[in-house]
Amino acid sequence: MKTKSFGIDIIFPWEVGLALGIVGLIILISGVKQGKKEIDDFDNLPFFKPTTKIFFGGVLIIFSLIQLLQLLI
């Protein structure tokens, strides 16, 4: 009997995928919060822009969801 597969290889165990998902969610939330703030002082510019945090947080969440696919099968 052959098992079903989505054809996507899994790189890490599901525990690592879960941790990456949590980190991605934290980065995404901090980017959204930072994007709502107005910057009045140009001497205190943030090191990372909020759009960069939102992008990388979203990429981490998508990557972690791919790693968690093994729990569905």
C-alpha atoms as a PDB file:
ATOM      1  CA  MET A   1       0.000   0.000   0.000  1.00  0.00           C
ATOM      2  CA  LYS A   2       1.440   3.329  -1.064  1.00  0.00           C
ATOM      3  CA  THR A   3       1.051   6.403   1.140  1.00  0.00           C
ATOM      4  CA  LYS A   4      -0.177   9.729  -0.178  1.00  0.00           C
ATOM      5  CA  SER A   5       2.290  12.550  -0.646  1.00  0.00           C
ATOM      6  CA  PHE A   6       2.015  16.196  -1.615  1.00  0.00           C
ATOM      7  CA  GLY A   7       5.383  16.009  -3.378  1.00  0.00           C
ATOM      8  CA  ILE A   8       6.924  18.557  -0.989  1.00  0.00           C
ATOM      9  CA  ASP A   9      10.055  17.528   0.885  1.00  0.00           C
ATOM     10  CA  ILE A  10      10.290  18.273   4.562  1.00  0.00           C
ATOM     11  CA  ILE A  11      13.642  19.600   5.777  1.00  0.00           C
ATOM     12  CA  PHE A  12      13.168  19.835   9.548  1.00  0.00           C
ATOM     13  CA  PRO A  13      11.119  17.903  12.097  1.00  0.00           C
ATOM     14  CA  TRP A  14       7.686  19.288  12.920  1.00  0.00           C
ATOM     15  CA  GLU A  15       8.923  20.698  16.246  1.00  0.00           C
ATOM     16  CA  VAL A  16      11.326  23.006  14.420  1.00  0.00           C
ATOM     17  CA  GLY A  17       8.532  23.995  12.045  1.00  0.00           C
ATOM     18  CA  LEU A  18       6.332  24.885  14.995  1.00  0.00           C
ATOM     19  CA  ALA A  19       9.100  26.990  16.550  1.00  0.00           C
ATOM     20  CA  LEU A  20       9.698  28.788  13.234  1.00  0.00           C
ATOM     21  CA  GLY A  21       5.969  29.478  12.979  1.00  0.00           C
ATOM     22  CA  ILE A  22       5.887  31.039  16.433  1.00  0.00           C
ATOM     23  CA  VAL A  23       8.962  33.171  15.691  1.00  0.00           C
ATOM     24  CA  GLY A  24       7.444  34.223  12.357  1.00  0.00           C
ATOM     25  CA  LEU A  25       4.206  35.205  14.071  1.00  0.00           C
ATOM     26  CA  ILE A  26       6.097  37.305  16.630  1.00  0.00           C
ATOM     27  CA  ILE A  27       8.089  39.052  13.866  1.00  0.00           C
ATOM     28  CA  LEU A  28       4.894  39.653  11.882  1.00  0.00           C
ATOM     29  CA  ILE A  29       3.073  41.168  14.866  1.00  0.00           C
ATOM     30  CA  SER A  30       6.040  43.409  15.763  1.00  0.00           C
ATOM     31  CA  GLY A  31       6.212  44.622  12.149  1.00  0.00           C
ATOM     32  CA  VAL A  32       2.521  45.510  12.142  1.00  0.00           C
ATOM     33  CA  LYS A  33       2.868  47.358  15.469  1.00  0.00           C
ATOM     34  CA  GLN A  34       5.949  49.207  14.226  1.00  0.00           C
ATOM     35  CA  GLY A  35       4.162  50.172  11.014  1.00  0.00           C
ATOM     36  CA  LYS A  36       1.390  51.901  12.961  1.00  0.00           C
ATOM     37  CA  LYS A  37       3.840  54.220  14.755  1.00  0.00           C
ATOM     38  CA  GLU A  38       4.676  57.566  13.195  1.00  0.00           C
ATOM     39  CA  ILE A  39       8.331  58.539  13.090  1.00  0.00           C
ATOM     40  CA  ASP A  40       8.813  62.184  14.012  1.00  0.00           C
ATOM     41  CA  ASP A  41      12.533  62.087  14.823  1.00  0.00           C
ATOM     42  CA  PHE A  42      14.780  61.026  11.956  1.00  0.00           C
ATOM     43  CA  ASP A  43      17.683  60.434  14.356  1.00  0.00           C
ATOM     44  CA  ASN A  44      15.907  57.350  15.766  1.00  0.00           C
ATOM     45  CA  LEU A  45      15.112  55.493  12.543  1.00  0.00           C
ATOM     46  CA  PRO A  46      14.518  51.777  13.071  1.00  0.00           C
ATOM     47  CA  PHE A  47      17.174  49.312  11.905  1.00  0.00           C
ATOM     48  CA  PHE A  48      14.569  47.176  10.090  1.00  0.00           C
ATOM     49  CA  LYS A  49      11.574  48.665   8.313  1.00  0.00           C
ATOM     50  CA  PRO A  50       8.134  47.323   9.262  1.00  0.00           C
ATOM     51  CA  THR A  51       7.513  46.015   5.750  1.00  0.00           C
ATOM     52  CA  THR A  52      10.694  43.934   5.973  1.00  0.00           C
ATOM     53  CA  LYS A  53       9.530  42.417   9.256  1.00  0.00           C
ATOM     54  CA  ILE A  54       6.093  41.658   7.827  1.00  0.00           C
ATOM     55  CA  PHE A  55       7.612  40.026   4.730  1.00  0.00           C
ATOM     56  CA  PHE A  56      10.078  37.817   6.613  1.00  0.00           C
ATOM     57  CA  GLY A  57       7.482  36.924   9.236  1.00  0.00           C
ATOM     58  CA  GLY A  58       5.106  35.821   6.494  1.00  0.00           C
ATOM     59  CA  VAL A  59       7.826  33.792   4.769  1.00  0.00           C
ATOM     60  CA  LEU A  60       8.676  32.058   8.055  1.00  0.00           C
ATOM     61  CA  ILE A  61       5.024  31.225   8.664  1.00  0.00           C
ATOM     62  CA  ILE A  62       4.613  29.761   5.171  1.00  0.00           C
ATOM     63  CA  PHE A  63       7.834  27.754   5.557  1.00  0.00           C
ATOM     64  CA  SER A  64       6.704  26.438   8.937  1.00  0.00           C
ATOM     65  CA  LEU A  65       3.326  25.420   7.513  1.00  0.00           C
ATOM     66  CA  ILE A  66       5.137  23.367   4.878  1.00  0.00           C
ATOM     67  CA  GLN A  67       7.142  21.718   7.639  1.00  0.00           C
ATOM     68  CA  LEU A  68       3.937  20.947   9.559  1.00  0.00           C
ATOM     69  CA  LEU A  69       2.351  19.177   6.595  1.00  0.00           C
ATOM     70  CA  GLN A  70       3.804  15.899   7.835  1.00  0.00           C
ATOM     71  CA  LEU A  71       1.355  15.990  10.735  1.00  0.00           C
ATOM     72  CA  LEU A  72      -1.573  15.871   8.295  1.00  0.00           C
ATOM     73  CA  ILE A  73      -0.451  12.692   6.559  1.00  0.00           C
END
